[in-house]
Amino acid sequence: MRLFIERIERIEEEIKGANDDRRDVYAELKSHGYDPKIVKMIVKDRSMSPHDRKERDAILETYRCALGEA
C-alpha cells in the first residue's frame, strides 16, 4: 500500500508542476497582449471533436436566437 501512496504523491507533484507551468504560459501570453480567456476557449474548442463543437455551436445559436441576440 505504501508504494501506491508514494506513486500517487509523485503524480500529484507532477500535476502541480504542470499546473504551475500552464499558469506561467498564460501569464506570458497575457504579457504579449493576448486575452487568456479567449485562448482558454480556443484550447477547449481544440480538445472537442468537430461533431461536438458543431453541436454546441448550433445549440448556442438557437439559444441566442431565442433571446433575440442573433
N, C-alpha and C. Protein backbone atom coordinates (compact mmCIF):
# COMPACT_ATOMS: atom_id res chain seq x y z
N MET A 1 0.81 -1.18 0.00
CA MET A 1 0.00 0.00 0.00
C MET A 1 0.87 1.26 0.00
N ARG A 2 1.95 1.22 0.72
CA ARG A 2 2.84 2.38 0.78
C ARG A 2 3.33 2.77 -0.60
N LEU A 3 3.64 1.78 -1.45
CA LEU A 3 4.13 2.07 -2.80
C LEU A 3 3.06 2.79 -3.62
N PHE A 4 1.81 2.36 -3.47
CA PHE A 4 0.72 3.04 -4.18
C PHE A 4 0.60 4.49 -3.74
N ILE A 5 0.65 4.70 -2.45
CA ILE A 5 0.54 6.06 -1.92
C ILE A 5 1.68 6.92 -2.40
N GLU A 6 2.89 6.38 -2.40
CA GLU A 6 4.04 7.14 -2.88
C GLU A 6 3.92 7.47 -4.36
N ARG A 7 3.40 6.52 -5.14
CA ARG A 7 3.17 6.79 -6.56
C ARG A 7 2.16 7.91 -6.74
N ILE A 8 1.08 7.84 -5.98
CA ILE A 8 0.05 8.89 -6.06
C ILE A 8 0.65 10.23 -5.68
N GLU A 9 1.45 10.26 -4.65
CA GLU A 9 2.08 11.52 -4.23
C GLU A 9 2.99 12.08 -5.32
N ARG A 10 3.75 11.22 -6.00
CA ARG A 10 4.60 11.67 -7.09
C ARG A 10 3.77 12.23 -8.23
N ILE A 11 2.68 11.55 -8.54
CA ILE A 11 1.80 12.02 -9.61
C ILE A 11 1.19 13.37 -9.24
N GLU A 12 0.78 13.51 -7.99
CA GLU A 12 0.22 14.79 -7.53
C GLU A 12 1.24 15.92 -7.69
N GLU A 13 2.50 15.64 -7.40
CA GLU A 13 3.55 16.65 -7.56
C GLU A 13 3.74 16.99 -9.04
N GLU A 14 3.68 15.97 -9.91
CA GLU A 14 3.81 16.22 -11.34
C GLU A 14 2.65 17.08 -11.84
N ILE A 15 1.46 16.79 -11.36
CA ILE A 15 0.28 17.57 -11.75
C ILE A 15 0.44 19.01 -11.29
N LYS A 16 0.90 19.20 -10.05
CA LYS A 16 1.10 20.55 -9.53
C LYS A 16 2.12 21.29 -10.39
N GLY A 17 3.19 20.61 -10.75
CA GLY A 17 4.21 21.23 -11.60
C GLY A 17 3.65 21.61 -12.96
N ALA A 18 2.85 20.72 -13.55
CA ALA A 18 2.25 21.00 -14.86
C ALA A 18 1.27 22.18 -14.76
N ASN A 19 0.50 22.23 -13.68
CA ASN A 19 -0.42 23.35 -13.49
C ASN A 19 0.33 24.67 -13.32
N ASP A 20 1.44 24.62 -12.60
CA ASP A 20 2.27 25.83 -12.45
C ASP A 20 2.82 26.27 -13.80
N ASP A 21 3.26 25.30 -14.61
CA ASP A 21 3.78 25.62 -15.94
C ASP A 21 2.68 26.24 -16.81
N ARG A 22 1.48 25.69 -16.75
CA ARG A 22 0.36 26.21 -17.54
C ARG A 22 0.05 27.65 -17.12
N ARG A 23 0.04 27.90 -15.81
CA ARG A 23 -0.22 29.25 -15.31
C ARG A 23 0.84 30.23 -15.83
N ASP A 24 2.09 29.78 -15.85
CA ASP A 24 3.18 30.63 -16.35
C ASP A 24 3.00 30.95 -17.84
N VAL A 25 2.57 29.96 -18.62
CA VAL A 25 2.36 30.18 -20.05
C VAL A 25 1.24 31.20 -20.27
N TYR A 26 0.14 31.06 -19.52
CA TYR A 26 -0.96 32.03 -19.65
C TYR A 26 -0.51 33.43 -19.24
N ALA A 27 0.31 33.53 -18.22
CA ALA A 27 0.82 34.83 -17.81
C ALA A 27 1.72 35.41 -18.89
N GLU A 28 2.52 34.57 -19.51
CA GLU A 28 3.40 35.03 -20.58
C GLU A 28 2.61 35.51 -21.80
N LEU A 29 1.59 34.76 -22.18
CA LEU A 29 0.81 35.19 -23.35
C LEU A 29 0.04 36.47 -23.04
N LYS A 30 -0.39 36.64 -21.79
CA LYS A 30 -1.05 37.89 -21.40
C LYS A 30 -0.07 39.06 -21.52
N SER A 31 1.18 38.82 -21.14
CA SER A 31 2.18 39.89 -21.22
C SER A 31 2.49 40.27 -22.67
N HIS A 32 2.14 39.37 -23.61
CA HIS A 32 2.31 39.65 -25.03
C HIS A 32 1.05 40.27 -25.65
N GLY A 33 0.06 40.57 -24.80
CA GLY A 33 -1.13 41.25 -25.27
C GLY A 33 -2.30 40.36 -25.65
N TYR A 34 -2.18 39.05 -25.42
CA TYR A 34 -3.28 38.14 -25.74
C TYR A 34 -4.24 38.04 -24.56
N ASP A 35 -5.49 37.72 -24.84
CA ASP A 35 -6.52 37.57 -23.81
C ASP A 35 -6.56 36.11 -23.36
N PRO A 36 -6.16 35.83 -22.12
CA PRO A 36 -6.12 34.44 -21.65
C PRO A 36 -7.49 33.74 -21.70
N LYS A 37 -8.57 34.47 -21.46
CA LYS A 37 -9.89 33.84 -21.51
C LYS A 37 -10.19 33.30 -22.90
N ILE A 38 -9.84 34.08 -23.92
CA ILE A 38 -10.09 33.65 -25.29
C ILE A 38 -9.19 32.47 -25.64
N VAL A 39 -7.94 32.52 -25.22
CA VAL A 39 -7.02 31.41 -25.50
C VAL A 39 -7.51 30.14 -24.82
N LYS A 40 -8.03 30.25 -23.60
CA LYS A 40 -8.58 29.07 -22.91
C LYS A 40 -9.76 28.50 -23.69
N MET A 41 -10.58 29.38 -24.26
CA MET A 41 -11.71 28.91 -25.07
C MET A 41 -11.21 28.16 -26.30
N ILE A 42 -10.16 28.68 -26.93
CA ILE A 42 -9.60 28.02 -28.11
C ILE A 42 -9.03 26.66 -27.74
N VAL A 43 -8.32 26.59 -26.63
CA VAL A 43 -7.75 25.32 -26.18
C VAL A 43 -8.87 24.31 -25.93
N LYS A 44 -9.95 24.76 -25.29
CA LYS A 44 -11.09 23.88 -25.02
C LYS A 44 -11.72 23.43 -26.33
N ASP A 45 -11.92 24.36 -27.27
CA ASP A 45 -12.51 24.01 -28.57
C ASP A 45 -11.66 22.98 -29.31
N ARG A 46 -10.36 23.16 -29.26
CA ARG A 46 -9.47 22.24 -29.99
C ARG A 46 -9.49 20.84 -29.40
N SER A 47 -9.86 20.73 -28.13
CA SER A 47 -9.91 19.41 -27.50
C SER A 47 -11.22 18.68 -27.81
N MET A 48 -12.21 19.41 -28.34
CA MET A 48 -13.50 18.82 -28.67
C MET A 48 -13.46 18.21 -30.07
N SER A 49 -14.29 17.21 -30.27
CA SER A 49 -14.41 16.65 -31.62
C SER A 49 -15.16 17.65 -32.49
N PRO A 50 -14.93 17.64 -33.80
CA PRO A 50 -15.66 18.57 -34.67
C PRO A 50 -17.18 18.43 -34.54
N HIS A 51 -17.65 17.21 -34.39
CA HIS A 51 -19.09 16.99 -34.24
C HIS A 51 -19.62 17.66 -32.97
N ASP A 52 -18.93 17.45 -31.85
CA ASP A 52 -19.36 18.04 -30.58
C ASP A 52 -19.32 19.57 -30.65
N ARG A 53 -18.30 20.10 -31.31
CA ARG A 53 -18.18 21.56 -31.43
C ARG A 53 -19.31 22.13 -32.27
N LYS A 54 -19.64 21.46 -33.38
CA LYS A 54 -20.74 21.92 -34.22
C LYS A 54 -22.07 21.85 -33.47
N GLU A 55 -22.26 20.78 -32.73
CA GLU A 55 -23.49 20.63 -31.95
C GLU A 55 -23.59 21.74 -30.89
N ARG A 56 -22.51 22.01 -30.20
CA ARG A 56 -22.50 23.07 -29.20
C ARG A 56 -22.80 24.42 -29.83
N ASP A 57 -22.17 24.69 -30.97
CA ASP A 57 -22.38 25.97 -31.65
C ASP A 57 -23.82 26.12 -32.11
N ALA A 58 -24.42 25.03 -32.59
CA ALA A 58 -25.81 25.08 -33.04
C ALA A 58 -26.76 25.36 -31.88
N ILE A 59 -26.52 24.71 -30.76
CA ILE A 59 -27.36 24.94 -29.58
C ILE A 59 -27.18 26.37 -29.09
N LEU A 60 -25.95 26.86 -29.06
CA LEU A 60 -25.68 28.22 -28.63
C LEU A 60 -26.40 29.22 -29.53
N GLU A 61 -26.35 29.00 -30.84
CA GLU A 61 -27.03 29.88 -31.78
C GLU A 61 -28.55 29.85 -31.57
N THR A 62 -29.10 28.67 -31.31
CA THR A 62 -30.52 28.53 -31.04
C THR A 62 -30.91 29.35 -29.81
N TYR A 63 -30.13 29.24 -28.76
CA TYR A 63 -30.41 29.99 -27.53
C TYR A 63 -30.30 31.50 -27.76
N ARG A 64 -29.28 31.91 -28.53
CA ARG A 64 -29.13 33.34 -28.82
C ARG A 64 -30.32 33.86 -29.60
N CYS A 65 -30.79 33.09 -30.58
CA CYS A 65 -31.97 33.49 -31.35
C CYS A 65 -33.19 33.61 -30.45
N ALA A 66 -33.34 32.66 -29.53
CA ALA A 66 -34.47 32.69 -28.62
C ALA A 66 -34.44 33.92 -27.71
N LEU A 67 -33.25 34.41 -27.44
CA LEU A 67 -33.10 35.60 -26.61
C LEU A 67 -33.05 36.88 -27.41
N GLY A 68 -33.14 36.75 -28.73
CA GLY A 68 -33.10 37.93 -29.60
C GLY A 68 -31.73 38.54 -29.73
N GLU A 69 -30.69 37.75 -29.54
CA GLU A 69 -29.33 38.26 -29.60
C GLU A 69 -28.60 37.90 -30.88
N ALA A 70 -29.29 37.26 -31.80
CA ALA A 70 -28.62 36.84 -33.04
C ALA A 70 -28.75 37.88 -34.12
